[in-house]
Amino acid sequence: MRYGWAVPGRFFSWALSARRLALTTCCGALGLLTACAPSQPPRWAEGGAPLAFAPARWDREGGDDVELRANGQVLIDGDLVFVLDRVGRVANDDYDPYAVLQPDGQLVGTDHLSLGRVGVSNASPPGVLEAWLAVTPDGRVTYFDTDGERSAGGTWRGCAGPVQRTCTLVTQLVAVLNYRGARSGVGIGVGVGVGVGVGF
């Protein structure tokens, strides 16, 4: 005899009900995780602005050194932080989509989050048109405060010619990380996941 009860025209089984409940719960949880996952940056499939690569190193004043490898990997103090490709895509250290440098210079992250604007030799923070950093042709990095003060940010080596824009992009990515980390009290770390965060 099976355990359950009969309903006119149907038989209800506890075992069948438990399996359906488990399946429904799993599917619901999977759907929730998928719905909460950030969307890819705009133009992720086709890419954005062209980038050039060459081995380069940024000796930062007051910070860990940054290395740009010829394969697009970006390391801070020897740890992989970003991976760039030749069509402006930026992935995090897990190779998940992080941002795309759009053809017009906008740097847009997941869920259409603005990460500022990047030119060949300067970049601005999200929502601002004025530059907050510059990378000169000789590799010097300069930061601009809102009150007009300038401060040195170290020197890039290996960023001549078409690689200069890539070095400016990496400088912007590191500046955004530091800005977001300072506002949230969290150190450098890039990732995609489910959670609650505060943007800027």
C-alpha atoms as a PDB file:
ATOM      1  CA  MET A   1       0.000   0.000   0.000  1.00  0.00           C
ATOM      2  CA  ARG A   2       1.284   3.486  -0.848  1.00  0.00           C
ATOM      3  CA  TYR A   3       1.163   6.296   1.655  1.00  0.00           C
ATOM      4  CA  GLY A   4      -1.124   9.151   0.727  1.00  0.00           C
ATOM      5  CA  TRP A   5      -4.755   9.808   0.252  1.00  0.00           C
ATOM      6  CA  ALA A   6      -7.146   9.701  -2.585  1.00  0.00           C
ATOM      7  CA  VAL A   7      -8.791  12.743  -4.023  1.00  0.00           C
ATOM      8  CA  PRO A   8     -11.544  12.043  -6.502  1.00  0.00           C
ATOM      9  CA  GLY A   9      -9.700  11.364  -9.750  1.00  0.00           C
ATOM     10  CA  ARG A  10      -6.181  11.789  -8.164  1.00  0.00           C
ATOM     11  CA  PHE A  11      -3.927  10.140  -5.675  1.00  0.00           C
ATOM     12  CA  PHE A  12      -1.739  12.401  -3.512  1.00  0.00           C
ATOM     13  CA  SER A  13       1.593  10.934  -2.518  1.00  0.00           C
ATOM     14  CA  TRP A  14       3.840  12.475   0.158  1.00  0.00           C
ATOM     15  CA  ALA A  15       6.933  11.212  -1.670  1.00  0.00           C
ATOM     16  CA  LEU A  16       5.826  12.780  -4.948  1.00  0.00           C
ATOM     17  CA  SER A  17       4.961  16.006  -3.161  1.00  0.00           C
ATOM     18  CA  ALA A  18       8.378  16.157  -1.495  1.00  0.00           C
ATOM     19  CA  ARG A  19      10.153  15.669  -4.843  1.00  0.00           C
ATOM     20  CA  ARG A  20       8.065  18.379  -6.477  1.00  0.00           C
ATOM     21  CA  LEU A  21       8.741  20.740  -3.568  1.00  0.00           C
ATOM     22  CA  ALA A  22      12.490  20.088  -3.784  1.00  0.00           C
ATOM     23  CA  LEU A  23      12.496  20.585  -7.551  1.00  0.00           C
ATOM     24  CA  THR A  24      10.439  23.769  -7.283  1.00  0.00           C
ATOM     25  CA  THR A  25      12.702  25.121  -4.540  1.00  0.00           C
ATOM     26  CA  CYS A  26      15.872  24.369  -6.530  1.00  0.00           C
ATOM     27  CA  CYS A  27      14.468  25.901  -9.702  1.00  0.00           C
ATOM     28  CA  GLY A  28      13.277  28.947  -7.789  1.00  0.00           C
ATOM     29  CA  ALA A  29      16.665  29.434  -6.148  1.00  0.00           C
ATOM     30  CA  LEU A  30      18.443  29.056  -9.476  1.00  0.00           C
ATOM     31  CA  GLY A  31      16.083  31.553 -11.057  1.00  0.00           C
ATOM     32  CA  LEU A  32      16.661  34.011  -8.207  1.00  0.00           C
ATOM     33  CA  LEU A  33      20.428  33.730  -8.568  1.00  0.00           C
ATOM     34  CA  THR A  34      20.195  34.223 -12.306  1.00  0.00           C
ATOM     35  CA  ALA A  35      17.871  37.188 -11.909  1.00  0.00           C
ATOM     36  CA  CYS A  36      20.192  38.801  -9.340  1.00  0.00           C
ATOM     37  CA  ALA A  37      23.371  38.312 -11.365  1.00  0.00           C
ATOM     38  CA  PRO A  38      24.611  41.540 -12.923  1.00  0.00           C
ATOM     39  CA  SER A  39      23.988  42.009 -16.605  1.00  0.00           C
ATOM     40  CA  GLN A  40      26.928  42.116 -18.987  1.00  0.00           C
ATOM     41  CA  PRO A  41      28.255  45.547 -19.898  1.00  0.00           C
ATOM     42  CA  PRO A  42      26.819  47.083 -23.082  1.00  0.00           C
ATOM     43  CA  ARG A  43      28.595  45.898 -26.264  1.00  0.00           C
ATOM     44  CA  TRP A  44      30.195  42.969 -24.444  1.00  0.00           C
ATOM     45  CA  ALA A  45      29.633  40.613 -27.378  1.00  0.00           C
ATOM     46  CA  GLU A  46      31.064  42.867 -30.087  1.00  0.00           C
ATOM     47  CA  GLY A  47      33.506  44.871 -27.945  1.00  0.00           C
ATOM     48  CA  GLY A  48      34.220  48.558 -27.949  1.00  0.00           C
ATOM     49  CA  ALA A  49      37.261  50.767 -28.490  1.00  0.00           C
ATOM     50  CA  PRO A  50      40.447  49.206 -29.886  1.00  0.00           C
ATOM     51  CA  LEU A  51      43.379  48.760 -27.495  1.00  0.00           C
ATOM     52  CA  ALA A  52      47.047  47.980 -28.103  1.00  0.00           C
ATOM     53  CA  PHE A  53      49.227  45.924 -25.759  1.00  0.00           C
ATOM     54  CA  ALA A  54      52.886  45.806 -24.854  1.00  0.00           C
ATOM     55  CA  PRO A  55      54.623  44.965 -21.595  1.00  0.00           C
ATOM     56  CA  ALA A  56      54.356  48.064 -19.375  1.00  0.00           C
ATOM     57  CA  ARG A  57      54.854  48.863 -15.711  1.00  0.00           C
ATOM     58  CA  TRP A  58      53.447  51.631 -13.540  1.00  0.00           C
ATOM     59  CA  ASP A  59      55.670  52.476 -10.578  1.00  0.00           C
ATOM     60  CA  ARG A  60      53.092  54.169  -8.370  1.00  0.00           C
ATOM     61  CA  GLU A  61      53.943  56.659  -5.678  1.00  0.00           C
ATOM     62  CA  GLY A  62      52.450  55.425  -2.432  1.00  0.00           C
ATOM     63  CA  GLY A  63      50.941  52.274  -3.923  1.00  0.00           C
ATOM     64  CA  ASP A  64      51.736  48.821  -5.208  1.00  0.00           C
ATOM     65  CA  ASP A  65      53.231  48.561  -8.682  1.00  0.00           C
ATOM     66  CA  VAL A  66      50.935  47.768 -11.606  1.00  0.00           C
ATOM     67  CA  GLU A  67      52.003  45.553 -14.485  1.00  0.00           C
ATOM     68  CA  LEU A  68      50.359  45.383 -17.912  1.00  0.00           C
ATOM     69  CA  ARG A  69      51.336  42.253 -19.798  1.00  0.00           C
ATOM     70  CA  ALA A  70      51.375  41.802 -23.571  1.00  0.00           C
ATOM     71  CA  ASN A  71      48.438  39.359 -23.245  1.00  0.00           C
ATOM     72  CA  GLY A  72      46.242  42.018 -21.572  1.00  0.00           C
ATOM     73  CA  GLN A  73      46.590  40.799 -17.993  1.00  0.00           C
ATOM     74  CA  VAL A  74      46.795  43.546 -15.364  1.00  0.00           C
ATOM     75  CA  LEU A  75      48.534  42.692 -12.096  1.00  0.00           C
ATOM     76  CA  ILE A  76      48.776  44.764  -8.938  1.00  0.00           C
ATOM     77  CA  ASP A  77      51.662  43.740  -6.697  1.00  0.00           C
ATOM     78  CA  GLY A  78      51.844  40.451  -8.632  1.00  0.00           C
ATOM     79  CA  ASP A  79      48.138  39.580  -8.232  1.00  0.00           C
ATOM     80  CA  LEU A  80      45.862  39.343 -11.272  1.00  0.00           C
ATOM     81  CA  VAL A  81      43.140  41.990 -11.068  1.00  0.00           C
ATOM     82  CA  PHE A  82      41.891  42.538 -14.627  1.00  0.00           C
ATOM     83  CA  VAL A  83      42.183  41.027 -18.085  1.00  0.00           C
ATOM     84  CA  LEU A  84      41.826  43.343 -21.090  1.00  0.00           C
ATOM     85  CA  ASP A  85      41.356  42.406 -24.717  1.00  0.00           C
ATOM     86  CA  ARG A  86      42.048  44.227 -27.981  1.00  0.00           C
ATOM     87  CA  VAL A  87      38.433  45.389 -28.404  1.00  0.00           C
ATOM     88  CA  GLY A  88      38.087  47.218 -25.092  1.00  0.00           C
ATOM     89  CA  ARG A  89      36.574  44.466 -22.937  1.00  0.00           C
ATOM     90  CA  VAL A  90      37.647  44.269 -19.293  1.00  0.00           C
ATOM     91  CA  ALA A  91      37.186  41.072 -17.279  1.00  0.00           C
ATOM     92  CA  ASN A  92      37.876  40.597 -13.586  1.00  0.00           C
ATOM     93  CA  ASP A  93      40.366  38.111 -12.143  1.00  0.00           C
ATOM     94  CA  ASP A  94      37.810  35.302 -12.584  1.00  0.00           C
ATOM     95  CA  TYR A  95      37.411  36.274 -16.264  1.00  0.00           C
ATOM     96  CA  ASP A  96      33.839  37.465 -15.631  1.00  0.00           C
ATOM     97  CA  PRO A  97      32.641  40.560 -17.545  1.00  0.00           C
ATOM     98  CA  TYR A  98      33.508  43.773 -15.689  1.00  0.00           C
ATOM     99  CA  ALA A  99      33.409  46.662 -18.198  1.00  0.00           C
ATOM    100  CA  VAL A 100      33.720  47.712 -21.835  1.00  0.00           C
ATOM    101  CA  LEU A 101      35.500  50.819 -23.071  1.00  0.00           C
ATOM    102  CA  GLN A 102      32.926  52.129 -25.518  1.00  0.00           C
ATOM    103  CA  PRO A 103      33.995  53.640 -28.872  1.00  0.00           C
ATOM    104  CA  ASP A 104      33.056  57.119 -27.546  1.00  0.00           C
ATOM    105  CA  GLY A 105      35.360  56.739 -24.510  1.00  0.00           C
ATOM    106  CA  GLN A 106      32.712  55.883 -21.922  1.00  0.00           C
ATOM    107  CA  LEU A 107      33.786  53.076 -19.595  1.00  0.00           C
ATOM    108  CA  VAL A 108      30.630  51.150 -18.737  1.00  0.00           C
ATOM    109  CA  GLY A 109      30.446  48.272 -16.277  1.00  0.00           C
ATOM    110  CA  THR A 110      27.923  45.582 -15.518  1.00  0.00           C
ATOM    111  CA  ASP A 111      24.330  46.738 -15.075  1.00  0.00           C
ATOM    112  CA  HIS A 112      25.226  49.849 -17.147  1.00  0.00           C
ATOM    113  CA  LEU A 113      27.276  51.306 -14.241  1.00  0.00           C
ATOM    114  CA  SER A 114      29.321  54.290 -15.412  1.00  0.00           C
ATOM    115  CA  LEU A 115      33.000  53.963 -14.548  1.00  0.00           C
ATOM    116  CA  GLY A 116      33.936  57.298 -16.108  1.00  0.00           C
ATOM    117  CA  ARG A 117      35.363  58.402 -19.423  1.00  0.00           C
ATOM    118  CA  VAL A 118      38.763  57.441 -20.864  1.00  0.00           C
ATOM    119  CA  GLY A 119      40.675  59.260 -23.585  1.00  0.00           C
ATOM    120  CA  VAL A 120      44.143  58.664 -24.971  1.00  0.00           C
ATOM    121  CA  SER A 121      45.897  60.597 -22.213  1.00  0.00           C
ATOM    122  CA  ASN A 122      43.296  61.537 -19.590  1.00  0.00           C
ATOM    123  CA  ALA A 123      40.236  60.185 -17.806  1.00  0.00           C
ATOM    124  CA  SER A 124      37.356  61.545 -15.768  1.00  0.00           C
ATOM    125  CA  PRO A 125      35.360  60.005 -12.934  1.00  0.00           C
ATOM    126  CA  PRO A 126      31.774  58.825 -13.348  1.00  0.00           C
ATOM    127  CA  GLY A 127      29.350  61.687 -13.981  1.00  0.00           C
ATOM    128  CA  VAL A 128      32.047  64.354 -14.409  1.00  0.00           C
ATOM    129  CA  LEU A 129      33.448  65.829 -17.624  1.00  0.00           C
ATOM    130  CA  GLU A 130      36.671  67.275 -16.166  1.00  0.00           C
ATOM    131  CA  ALA A 131      39.684  64.970 -15.991  1.00  0.00           C
ATOM    132  CA  TRP A 132      40.807  63.604 -12.635  1.00  0.00           C
ATOM    133  CA  LEU A 133      43.941  61.950 -14.021  1.00  0.00           C
ATOM    134  CA  ALA A 134      46.334  62.194 -16.936  1.00  0.00           C
ATOM    135  CA  VAL A 135      49.052  59.981 -18.387  1.00  0.00           C
ATOM    136  CA  THR A 136      51.563  62.021 -20.370  1.00  0.00           C
ATOM    137  CA  PRO A 137      53.396  60.610 -23.413  1.00  0.00           C
ATOM    138  CA  ASP A 138      56.507  60.130 -21.250  1.00  0.00           C
ATOM    139  CA  GLY A 139      54.439  58.033 -18.794  1.00  0.00           C
ATOM    140  CA  ARG A 140      54.025  60.466 -15.887  1.00  0.00           C
ATOM    141  CA  VAL A 141      50.705  60.052 -14.046  1.00  0.00           C
ATOM    142  CA  THR A 142      49.113  63.203 -12.626  1.00  0.00           C
ATOM    143  CA  TYR A 143      45.979  63.387 -10.488  1.00  0.00           C
ATOM    144  CA  PHE A 144      43.764  66.496 -10.403  1.00  0.00           C
ATOM    145  CA  ASP A 145      41.784  67.359  -7.270  1.00  0.00           C
ATOM    146  CA  THR A 146      38.438  69.135  -7.512  1.00  0.00           C
ATOM    147  CA  ASP A 147      40.058  72.309  -6.160  1.00  0.00           C
ATOM    148  CA  GLY A 148      42.651  72.321  -8.979  1.00  0.00           C
ATOM    149  CA  GLU A 149      45.562  70.870  -7.035  1.00  0.00           C
ATOM    150  CA  ARG A 150      47.803  68.398  -8.843  1.00  0.00           C
ATOM    151  CA  SER A 151      49.611  65.422  -7.381  1.00  0.00           C
ATOM    152  CA  ALA A 152      52.092  62.972  -8.846  1.00  0.00           C
ATOM    153  CA  GLY A 153      50.950  59.377  -9.242  1.00  0.00           C
ATOM    154  CA  GLY A 154      54.145  57.704 -10.381  1.00  0.00           C
ATOM    155  CA  THR A 155      55.397  56.793 -13.833  1.00  0.00           C
ATOM    156  CA  TRP A 156      54.453  54.278 -16.504  1.00  0.00           C
ATOM    157  CA  ARG A 157      57.254  52.608 -18.483  1.00  0.00           C
ATOM    158  CA  GLY A 158      56.416  51.046 -21.867  1.00  0.00           C
ATOM    159  CA  CYS A 159      53.325  53.124 -22.678  1.00  0.00           C
ATOM    160  CA  ALA A 160      54.527  54.928 -25.778  1.00  0.00           C
ATOM    161  CA  GLY A 161      52.443  55.285 -28.921  1.00  0.00           C
ATOM    162  CA  PRO A 162      49.150  53.396 -29.198  1.00  0.00           C
ATOM    163  CA  VAL A 163      49.687  51.689 -25.822  1.00  0.00           C
ATOM    164  CA  GLN A 164      49.195  55.038 -24.069  1.00  0.00           C
ATOM    165  CA  ARG A 165      45.388  54.738 -24.163  1.00  0.00           C
ATOM    166  CA  THR A 166      45.609  51.233 -22.665  1.00  0.00           C
ATOM    167  CA  CYS A 167      47.792  52.579 -19.853  1.00  0.00           C
ATOM    168  CA  THR A 168      45.292  55.414 -19.312  1.00  0.00           C
ATOM    169  CA  LEU A 169      42.490  52.830 -19.130  1.00  0.00           C
ATOM    170  CA  VAL A 170      44.398  50.766 -16.546  1.00  0.00           C
ATOM    171  CA  THR A 171      45.116  53.932 -14.542  1.00  0.00           C
ATOM    172  CA  GLN A 172      41.375  54.729 -14.606  1.00  0.00           C
ATOM    173  CA  LEU A 173      40.428  51.195 -13.519  1.00  0.00           C
ATOM    174  CA  VAL A 174      42.836  51.378 -10.569  1.00  0.00           C
ATOM    175  CA  ALA A 175      41.610  54.885  -9.656  1.00  0.00           C
ATOM    176  CA  VAL A 176      37.980  53.699  -9.691  1.00  0.00           C
ATOM    177  CA  LEU A 177      38.915  50.689  -7.536  1.00  0.00           C
ATOM    178  CA  ASN A 178      40.691  52.925  -5.039  1.00  0.00           C
ATOM    179  CA  TYR A 179      37.832  55.435  -5.042  1.00  0.00           C
ATOM    180  CA  ARG A 180      35.187  52.775  -4.499  1.00  0.00           C
ATOM    181  CA  GLY A 181      37.352  51.031  -1.879  1.00  0.00           C
ATOM    182  CA  ALA A 182      37.923  54.280   0.028  1.00  0.00           C
ATOM    183  CA  ARG A 183      34.196  55.066   0.043  1.00  0.00           C
ATOM    184  CA  SER A 184      33.181  51.586   1.185  1.00  0.00           C
ATOM    185  CA  GLY A 185      36.137  50.812   3.421  1.00  0.00           C
ATOM    186  CA  VAL A 186      36.916  47.739   1.304  1.00  0.00           C
ATOM    187  CA  GLY A 187      40.304  47.069  -0.292  1.00  0.00           C
ATOM    188  CA  ILE A 188      41.020  46.118  -3.884  1.00  0.00           C
ATOM    189  CA  GLY A 189      38.833  43.352  -5.159  1.00  0.00           C
ATOM    190  CA  VAL A 190      36.708  42.903  -8.210  1.00  0.00           C
ATOM    191  CA  GLY A 191      33.979  40.366  -8.579  1.00  0.00           C
ATOM    192  CA  VAL A 192      30.540  39.437  -9.696  1.00  0.00           C
ATOM    193  CA  GLY A 193      28.074  37.869  -7.331  1.00  0.00           C
ATOM    194  CA  VAL A 194      24.910  38.147  -5.367  1.00  0.00           C
ATOM    195  CA  GLY A 195      24.849  40.643  -2.561  1.00  0.00           C
ATOM    196  CA  VAL A 196      24.093  44.166  -1.534  1.00  0.00           C
ATOM    197  CA  GLY A 197      26.425  46.960  -2.532  1.00  0.00           C
ATOM    198  CA  VAL A 198      26.520  50.694  -2.692  1.00  0.00           C
ATOM    199  CA  GLY A 199      27.502  52.340  -5.937  1.00  0.00           C
ATOM    200  CA  PHE A 200      28.720  55.835  -6.529  1.00  0.00           C
END
